[in-house]
Amino acid sequence: MKKQMLVIWTVVVVVLLSVGSITAQDAKKMDKDKMKMDMAAMMKSPHHAVMTAHRHNVLMFAKTLRDMSSGGKLEDVDLTRNAFAEIKHSVEKIDEIHQSHMGKMKPEMMTMMKPMMEKMQAENMLVKEHIAALETALQVAAPNAMDVNKHAAALVM
């Protein structure tokens, strides 16, 4: 009798765990489907489009700086500084648009997107470190082309 009860309880526990697991997977699937829909809507938003344009601007000017400094010498320091100013301007605009958009985001959306936003924030900190290093490198009378190249290349990646 004890053996039969043990078998019955084991079966009951396995069935309950299986049902709980299936239910949890369905809830996760629904959350992922909702997140995909929200991501699709975000990709079509004007905020995202303008931020993407600024990001492309940063990328193109960073490539230009990288290429200008690849020979170990900067031919035109003023032009280099102007290219850097465009990078800095675009990053500032990205931050401005992002903050504006975050202010309009619903709390439940912010909670759902928190892991992705933390990852983006960490990446943004690295970008800002390289921008600060570029700014420091370009403030001297004769900037070191290798420093400019190193930090511009990091922005390209």
C-alpha atoms as a PDB file:
ATOM      1  CA  MET A   1       0.000   0.000   0.000  1.00  0.00           C
ATOM      2  CA  LYS A   2       2.821   2.418   0.857  1.00  0.00           C
ATOM      3  CA  LYS A   3       4.494   1.594  -2.439  1.00  0.00           C
ATOM      4  CA  GLN A   4       1.288   2.309  -4.379  1.00  0.00           C
ATOM      5  CA  MET A   5       0.840   5.656  -2.609  1.00  0.00           C
ATOM      6  CA  LEU A   6       4.443   6.557  -3.365  1.00  0.00           C
ATOM      7  CA  VAL A   7       3.936   5.756  -7.053  1.00  0.00           C
ATOM      8  CA  ILE A   8       0.674   7.726  -7.158  1.00  0.00           C
ATOM      9  CA  TRP A   9       2.242  10.774  -5.473  1.00  0.00           C
ATOM     10  CA  THR A  10       5.223  10.588  -7.794  1.00  0.00           C
ATOM     11  CA  VAL A  11       2.918  10.553 -10.826  1.00  0.00           C
ATOM     12  CA  VAL A  12       0.876  13.459  -9.424  1.00  0.00           C
ATOM     13  CA  VAL A  13       4.007  15.540  -8.791  1.00  0.00           C
ATOM     14  CA  VAL A  14       5.354  14.829 -12.296  1.00  0.00           C
ATOM     15  CA  VAL A  15       2.023  15.779 -13.885  1.00  0.00           C
ATOM     16  CA  LEU A  16       1.804  19.000 -11.862  1.00  0.00           C
ATOM     17  CA  LEU A  17       5.375  19.976 -12.715  1.00  0.00           C
ATOM     18  CA  SER A  18       4.767  19.251 -16.399  1.00  0.00           C
ATOM     19  CA  VAL A  19       1.593  21.327 -16.485  1.00  0.00           C
ATOM     20  CA  GLY A  20       3.335  24.182 -14.648  1.00  0.00           C
ATOM     21  CA  SER A  21       6.240  24.054 -17.054  1.00  0.00           C
ATOM     22  CA  ILE A  22       3.974  24.144 -20.104  1.00  0.00           C
ATOM     23  CA  THR A  23       2.017  27.072 -18.676  1.00  0.00           C
ATOM     24  CA  ALA A  24       5.205  29.005 -17.933  1.00  0.00           C
ATOM     25  CA  GLN A  25       6.493  28.400 -21.460  1.00  0.00           C
ATOM     26  CA  ASP A  26       3.222  29.653 -22.934  1.00  0.00           C
ATOM     27  CA  ALA A  27       3.446  32.834 -20.829  1.00  0.00           C
ATOM     28  CA  LYS A  28       7.037  33.429 -21.965  1.00  0.00           C
ATOM     29  CA  LYS A  29       6.016  32.842 -25.584  1.00  0.00           C
ATOM     30  CA  MET A  30       3.216  35.397 -25.253  1.00  0.00           C
ATOM     31  CA  ASP A  31       5.647  37.938 -23.756  1.00  0.00           C
ATOM     32  CA  LYS A  32       8.121  37.349 -26.597  1.00  0.00           C
ATOM     33  CA  ASP A  33       5.377  37.733 -29.213  1.00  0.00           C
ATOM     34  CA  LYS A  34       4.266  41.001 -27.616  1.00  0.00           C
ATOM     35  CA  MET A  35       7.863  42.205 -27.479  1.00  0.00           C
ATOM     36  CA  LYS A  36       8.339  41.379 -31.182  1.00  0.00           C
ATOM     37  CA  MET A  37       5.257  43.434 -32.019  1.00  0.00           C
ATOM     38  CA  ASP A  38       6.516  46.318 -29.877  1.00  0.00           C
ATOM     39  CA  MET A  39       9.965  46.107 -31.485  1.00  0.00           C
ATOM     40  CA  ALA A  40       8.400  46.216 -34.952  1.00  0.00           C
ATOM     41  CA  ALA A  41       6.434  49.313 -33.996  1.00  0.00           C
ATOM     42  CA  MET A  42       9.565  50.894 -32.519  1.00  0.00           C
ATOM     43  CA  MET A  43      11.530  50.265 -35.710  1.00  0.00           C
ATOM     44  CA  LYS A  44       8.914  52.236 -37.656  1.00  0.00           C
ATOM     45  CA  SER A  45       8.768  55.157 -35.225  1.00  0.00           C
ATOM     46  CA  PRO A  46      10.132  58.576 -36.224  1.00  0.00           C
ATOM     47  CA  HIS A  47      12.334  58.627 -33.086  1.00  0.00           C
ATOM     48  CA  HIS A  48      14.064  55.447 -34.191  1.00  0.00           C
ATOM     49  CA  ALA A  49      14.454  56.658 -37.779  1.00  0.00           C
ATOM     50  CA  VAL A  50      16.103  59.931 -36.749  1.00  0.00           C
ATOM     51  CA  MET A  51      18.312  58.233 -34.164  1.00  0.00           C
ATOM     52  CA  THR A  52      19.396  55.712 -36.807  1.00  0.00           C
ATOM     53  CA  ALA A  53      20.271  58.551 -39.178  1.00  0.00           C
ATOM     54  CA  HIS A  54      22.417  60.173 -36.488  1.00  0.00           C
ATOM     55  CA  ARG A  55      24.042  56.813 -35.738  1.00  0.00           C
ATOM     56  CA  HIS A  56      24.917  56.428 -39.429  1.00  0.00           C
ATOM     57  CA  ASN A  57      26.344  59.940 -39.328  1.00  0.00           C
ATOM     58  CA  VAL A  58      28.567  58.986 -36.367  1.00  0.00           C
ATOM     59  CA  LEU A  59      29.672  55.849 -38.193  1.00  0.00           C
ATOM     60  CA  MET A  60      30.540  57.665 -41.428  1.00  0.00           C
ATOM     61  CA  PHE A  61      32.516  60.421 -39.705  1.00  0.00           C
ATOM     62  CA  ALA A  62      34.292  57.864 -37.495  1.00  0.00           C
ATOM     63  CA  LYS A  63      35.274  55.907 -40.627  1.00  0.00           C
ATOM     64  CA  THR A  64      36.475  59.132 -42.183  1.00  0.00           C
ATOM     65  CA  LEU A  65      38.569  59.987 -39.113  1.00  0.00           C
ATOM     66  CA  ARG A  66      39.952  56.463 -39.018  1.00  0.00           C
ATOM     67  CA  ASP A  67      40.937  56.649 -42.678  1.00  0.00           C
ATOM     68  CA  MET A  68      42.349  60.193 -42.373  1.00  0.00           C
ATOM     69  CA  SER A  69      44.622  59.101 -39.534  1.00  0.00           C
ATOM     70  CA  SER A  70      45.590  55.661 -40.816  1.00  0.00           C
ATOM     71  CA  GLY A  71      48.860  56.840 -42.381  1.00  0.00           C
ATOM     72  CA  GLY A  72      50.227  57.965 -39.030  1.00  0.00           C
ATOM     73  CA  LYS A  73      49.851  61.645 -39.906  1.00  0.00           C
ATOM     74  CA  LEU A  74      46.921  64.044 -40.021  1.00  0.00           C
ATOM     75  CA  GLU A  75      47.043  66.108 -43.210  1.00  0.00           C
ATOM     76  CA  ASP A  76      44.467  68.701 -42.136  1.00  0.00           C
ATOM     77  CA  VAL A  77      43.954  69.080 -38.380  1.00  0.00           C
ATOM     78  CA  ASP A  78      41.089  71.575 -38.787  1.00  0.00           C
ATOM     79  CA  LEU A  79      39.211  69.174 -41.047  1.00  0.00           C
ATOM     80  CA  THR A  80      39.829  66.405 -38.514  1.00  0.00           C
ATOM     81  CA  ARG A  81      38.411  68.571 -35.743  1.00  0.00           C
ATOM     82  CA  ASN A  82      35.375  69.415 -37.886  1.00  0.00           C
ATOM     83  CA  ALA A  83      34.721  65.712 -38.511  1.00  0.00           C
ATOM     84  CA  PHE A  84      34.976  65.070 -34.769  1.00  0.00           C
ATOM     85  CA  ALA A  85      32.563  67.957 -34.063  1.00  0.00           C
ATOM     86  CA  GLU A  86      29.993  66.227 -36.291  1.00  0.00           C
ATOM     87  CA  ILE A  87      30.436  62.985 -34.373  1.00  0.00           C
ATOM     88  CA  LYS A  88      29.956  64.778 -31.072  1.00  0.00           C
ATOM     89  CA  HIS A  89      26.919  66.671 -32.363  1.00  0.00           C
ATOM     90  CA  SER A  90      25.259  63.493 -33.608  1.00  0.00           C
ATOM     91  CA  VAL A  91      25.866  61.660 -30.319  1.00  0.00           C
ATOM     92  CA  GLU A  92      24.381  64.592 -28.411  1.00  0.00           C
ATOM     93  CA  LYS A  93      21.314  64.518 -30.668  1.00  0.00           C
ATOM     94  CA  ILE A  94      20.958  60.755 -30.188  1.00  0.00           C
ATOM     95  CA  ASP A  95      20.990  61.269 -26.414  1.00  0.00           C
ATOM     96  CA  GLU A  96      18.504  64.132 -26.649  1.00  0.00           C
ATOM     97  CA  ILE A  97      16.050  62.119 -28.778  1.00  0.00           C
ATOM     98  CA  HIS A  98      16.493  59.050 -26.574  1.00  0.00           C
ATOM     99  CA  GLN A  99      15.700  61.016 -23.405  1.00  0.00           C
ATOM    100  CA  SER A 100      12.654  62.550 -25.067  1.00  0.00           C
ATOM    101  CA  HIS A 101      11.429  59.131 -26.148  1.00  0.00           C
ATOM    102  CA  MET A 102      12.076  57.600 -22.711  1.00  0.00           C
ATOM    103  CA  GLY A 103       9.924  60.292 -21.130  1.00  0.00           C
ATOM    104  CA  LYS A 104       6.987  59.166 -23.264  1.00  0.00           C
ATOM    105  CA  MET A 105       7.446  55.437 -22.643  1.00  0.00           C
ATOM    106  CA  LYS A 106       4.931  53.564 -20.502  1.00  0.00           C
ATOM    107  CA  PRO A 107       6.254  52.074 -17.246  1.00  0.00           C
ATOM    108  CA  GLU A 108       5.347  48.500 -18.266  1.00  0.00           C
ATOM    109  CA  MET A 109       7.230  48.960 -21.537  1.00  0.00           C
ATOM    110  CA  MET A 110      10.257  50.268 -19.650  1.00  0.00           C
ATOM    111  CA  THR A 111      10.146  47.240 -17.366  1.00  0.00           C
ATOM    112  CA  MET A 112       9.908  44.867 -20.302  1.00  0.00           C
ATOM    113  CA  MET A 113      12.783  46.532 -22.145  1.00  0.00           C
ATOM    114  CA  LYS A 114      15.038  46.966 -19.089  1.00  0.00           C
ATOM    115  CA  PRO A 115      17.587  44.241 -20.027  1.00  0.00           C
ATOM    116  CA  MET A 116      18.005  45.627 -23.541  1.00  0.00           C
ATOM    117  CA  MET A 117      18.246  49.197 -22.244  1.00  0.00           C
ATOM    118  CA  GLU A 118      20.942  48.212 -19.740  1.00  0.00           C
ATOM    119  CA  LYS A 119      22.950  46.619 -22.545  1.00  0.00           C
ATOM    120  CA  MET A 120      22.545  49.728 -24.691  1.00  0.00           C
ATOM    121  CA  GLN A 121      23.585  51.943 -21.778  1.00  0.00           C
ATOM    122  CA  ALA A 122      26.797  49.941 -21.307  1.00  0.00           C
ATOM    123  CA  GLU A 123      27.586  50.223 -25.026  1.00  0.00           C
ATOM    124  CA  ASN A 124      26.803  53.942 -24.940  1.00  0.00           C
ATOM    125  CA  MET A 125      29.278  54.435 -22.089  1.00  0.00           C
ATOM    126  CA  LEU A 126      32.044  52.841 -24.189  1.00  0.00           C
ATOM    127  CA  VAL A 127      31.209  55.113 -27.124  1.00  0.00           C
ATOM    128  CA  LYS A 128      31.315  58.171 -24.871  1.00  0.00           C
ATOM    129  CA  GLU A 129      34.683  57.106 -23.465  1.00  0.00           C
ATOM    130  CA  HIS A 130      36.143  56.983 -26.978  1.00  0.00           C
ATOM    131  CA  ILE A 131      34.548  60.312 -27.863  1.00  0.00           C
ATOM    132  CA  ALA A 132      36.061  61.891 -24.745  1.00  0.00           C
ATOM    133  CA  ALA A 133      39.446  60.390 -25.655  1.00  0.00           C
ATOM    134  CA  LEU A 134      39.134  61.742 -29.216  1.00  0.00           C
ATOM    135  CA  GLU A 135      38.248  65.167 -27.883  1.00  0.00           C
ATOM    136  CA  THR A 136      41.292  65.131 -25.595  1.00  0.00           C
ATOM    137  CA  ALA A 137      43.540  63.962 -28.436  1.00  0.00           C
ATOM    138  CA  LEU A 138      42.291  66.704 -30.768  1.00  0.00           C
ATOM    139  CA  GLN A 139      42.662  69.569 -28.270  1.00  0.00           C
ATOM    140  CA  VAL A 140      46.439  69.706 -28.591  1.00  0.00           C
ATOM    141  CA  ALA A 141      48.102  71.762 -31.323  1.00  0.00           C
ATOM    142  CA  ALA A 142      49.476  68.710 -33.146  1.00  0.00           C
ATOM    143  CA  PRO A 143      47.199  65.713 -32.454  1.00  0.00           C
ATOM    144  CA  ASN A 144      48.686  62.225 -32.448  1.00  0.00           C
ATOM    145  CA  ALA A 145      47.278  60.440 -35.502  1.00  0.00           C
ATOM    146  CA  MET A 146      47.609  57.036 -33.848  1.00  0.00           C
ATOM    147  CA  ASP A 147      45.418  58.106 -30.911  1.00  0.00           C
ATOM    148  CA  VAL A 148      42.836  59.520 -33.298  1.00  0.00           C
ATOM    149  CA  ASN A 149      42.957  56.338 -35.362  1.00  0.00           C
ATOM    150  CA  LYS A 150      42.600  54.055 -32.326  1.00  0.00           C
ATOM    151  CA  HIS A 151      39.521  55.818 -30.948  1.00  0.00           C
ATOM    152  CA  ALA A 152      37.891  56.422 -34.325  1.00  0.00           C
ATOM    153  CA  ALA A 153      38.355  52.732 -35.177  1.00  0.00           C
ATOM    154  CA  ALA A 154      36.700  51.791 -31.874  1.00  0.00           C
ATOM    155  CA  LEU A 155      33.667  53.902 -32.825  1.00  0.00           C
ATOM    156  CA  VAL A 156      33.402  52.075 -36.133  1.00  0.00           C
ATOM    157  CA  MET A 157      33.139  48.676 -34.474  1.00  0.00           C
END
